[in-house]
């Protein structure tokens, strides 16, 4: 792939991973399709952001490393991962390994850099 100067994080991620980007949705009237498309793009963007020395990061789930994801406070638009607290119990959603970051700073960067994708993914 030839190097481009795009600012689109999805196109930059595809380039970093050496994959062919999917074309943008032509019809954004179906909110489910918009969310599915955003999820697909987030997976690619996060995978590229998590790369270590040009290689794809493989998460370890034996307790030896931490995993991070942005926490969005719900807004009137509905953007947010839900969470509830009451007395001695706590519950929250789990985003899944495809949306995890390998460091807190990468999760914070990703929340800003991929804000439009998170908005499309989480807003119903």
Protein backbone atom coordinates (compact mmCIF):
# COMPACT_ATOMS: atom_id res chain seq x y z
CA UNK A 1 0.00 0.00 0.00
CA UNK A 2 1.23 3.48 -0.74
CA UNK A 3 1.64 5.94 2.11
CA UNK A 4 -1.12 8.54 2.27
CA UNK A 5 -1.56 11.76 4.19
CA UNK A 6 -5.16 11.15 5.23
CA UNK A 7 -6.43 12.34 8.60
CA UNK A 8 -9.20 9.71 8.68
CA UNK A 9 -8.20 7.41 11.56
CA UNK A 10 -9.83 4.40 9.91
CA UNK A 11 -7.88 4.86 6.67
CA UNK A 12 -4.66 5.39 8.63
CA UNK A 13 -5.34 2.21 10.61
CA UNK A 14 -6.02 0.19 7.45
CA UNK A 15 -2.75 1.43 6.03
CA UNK A 16 -0.84 0.52 9.22
CA UNK A 17 -2.37 -2.97 9.21
CA UNK A 18 -2.00 -3.45 5.46
CA UNK A 19 -5.69 -4.11 4.88
CA UNK A 20 -8.12 -2.81 2.29
CA UNK A 21 -10.57 -0.31 3.80
CA UNK A 22 -14.32 -0.82 3.49
CA UNK A 23 -16.08 2.02 1.68
CA UNK A 24 -18.16 4.41 3.80
CA UNK A 25 -21.86 3.68 4.16
CA UNK A 26 -23.84 5.32 1.39
CA UNK A 27 -27.11 5.17 3.31
CA UNK A 28 -26.90 6.13 7.00
CA UNK A 29 -30.65 6.03 7.65
CA UNK A 30 -30.57 2.63 9.40
CA UNK A 31 -29.08 3.26 12.85
CA UNK A 32 -28.26 -0.43 13.33
CA UNK A 33 -26.21 -0.48 10.13
CA UNK A 34 -24.42 2.72 11.20
CA UNK A 35 -23.59 1.12 14.56
CA UNK A 36 -22.34 -2.11 12.94
CA UNK A 37 -20.17 -0.16 10.51
CA UNK A 38 -18.74 1.96 13.34
CA UNK A 39 -17.96 -1.18 15.39
CA UNK A 40 -16.10 -2.70 12.42
CA UNK A 41 -14.10 0.51 11.99
CA UNK A 42 -13.36 0.79 15.72
CA UNK A 43 -11.97 -2.74 15.77
CA UNK A 44 -9.52 -1.83 13.00
CA UNK A 45 -8.58 1.53 14.53
CA UNK A 46 -7.99 0.07 18.00
CA UNK A 47 -6.01 -2.88 16.63
CA UNK A 48 -3.70 -0.46 14.82
CA UNK A 49 -3.36 1.83 17.85
CA UNK A 50 -2.42 -1.16 20.04
CA UNK A 51 0.40 -2.30 17.74
CA UNK A 52 3.75 -2.88 19.41
CA UNK A 53 6.85 -2.45 17.25
CA UNK A 54 4.77 -2.95 14.11
CA UNK A 55 3.11 -6.12 15.39
CA UNK A 56 -0.48 -6.67 16.48
CA UNK A 57 -0.86 -6.78 20.27
CA UNK A 58 -2.25 -10.04 21.64
CA UNK A 59 -3.99 -9.48 24.99
CA UNK A 60 -3.13 -11.80 27.87
CA UNK A 61 -5.96 -12.77 30.21
CA UNK A 62 -4.06 -14.52 32.99
CA UNK A 63 -4.10 -11.45 35.24
CA UNK A 64 -0.56 -10.37 34.31
CA UNK A 65 -1.65 -7.28 32.37
CA UNK A 66 -4.33 -4.65 32.59
CA UNK A 67 -6.74 -3.81 29.77
CA UNK A 68 -8.40 -0.44 29.27
CA UNK A 69 -11.32 1.11 27.45
CA UNK A 70 -12.84 4.60 27.46
CA UNK A 71 -15.67 5.22 29.88
CA UNK A 72 -18.21 7.66 28.53
CA UNK A 73 -20.68 9.29 30.86
CA UNK A 74 -24.12 8.94 29.31
CA UNK A 75 -25.33 12.13 27.67
CA UNK A 76 -28.71 13.09 26.37
CA UNK A 77 -27.66 11.59 23.03
CA UNK A 78 -27.40 8.16 24.62
CA UNK A 79 -23.61 7.89 24.14
CA UNK A 80 -22.10 5.77 26.86
CA UNK A 81 -21.28 2.43 28.33
CA UNK A 82 -23.74 1.85 31.16
CA UNK A 83 -22.89 1.36 34.76
CA UNK A 84 -24.81 1.07 38.01
CA UNK A 85 -23.73 1.37 41.64
CA UNK A 86 -25.80 0.47 44.68
CA UNK A 87 -24.61 -0.33 48.22
CA UNK A 88 -22.33 -3.37 48.09
CA UNK A 89 -22.65 -4.29 44.43
CA UNK A 90 -21.51 -2.84 41.14
CA UNK A 91 -22.26 -3.76 37.57
CA UNK A 92 -21.02 -2.42 34.28
CA UNK A 93 -20.88 -3.46 30.67
CA UNK A 94 -17.88 -5.26 29.25
CA UNK A 95 -16.77 -4.01 25.86
CA UNK A 96 -14.98 -7.14 24.69
CA UNK A 97 -11.41 -7.74 23.69
CA UNK A 98 -11.72 -6.14 20.28
CA UNK A 99 -12.36 -2.75 21.87
CA UNK A 100 -9.69 -2.98 24.58
CA UNK A 101 -6.54 -0.90 24.69
CA UNK A 102 -3.23 -2.03 26.12
CA UNK A 103 -2.69 1.17 28.13
CA UNK A 104 -4.70 3.91 29.75
CA UNK A 105 -3.04 6.60 27.64
CA UNK A 106 -3.97 4.75 24.43
CA UNK A 107 -7.58 4.46 25.66
CA UNK A 108 -7.66 8.21 26.36
CA UNK A 109 -6.17 8.98 22.92
CA UNK A 110 -8.59 6.58 21.25
CA UNK A 111 -11.59 8.16 22.98
CA UNK A 112 -10.63 11.52 21.47
CA UNK A 113 -9.35 10.29 18.11
CA UNK A 114 -12.25 7.91 17.43
CA UNK A 115 -15.00 10.02 19.04
CA UNK A 116 -17.15 10.06 15.90
CA UNK A 117 -16.94 6.27 15.59
CA UNK A 118 -17.81 5.75 19.26
CA UNK A 119 -20.74 8.14 18.80
CA UNK A 120 -22.02 6.16 15.81
CA UNK A 121 -21.46 2.84 17.62
CA UNK A 122 -23.06 3.75 20.95
CA UNK A 123 -25.84 6.14 19.93
CA UNK A 124 -29.11 4.46 19.12
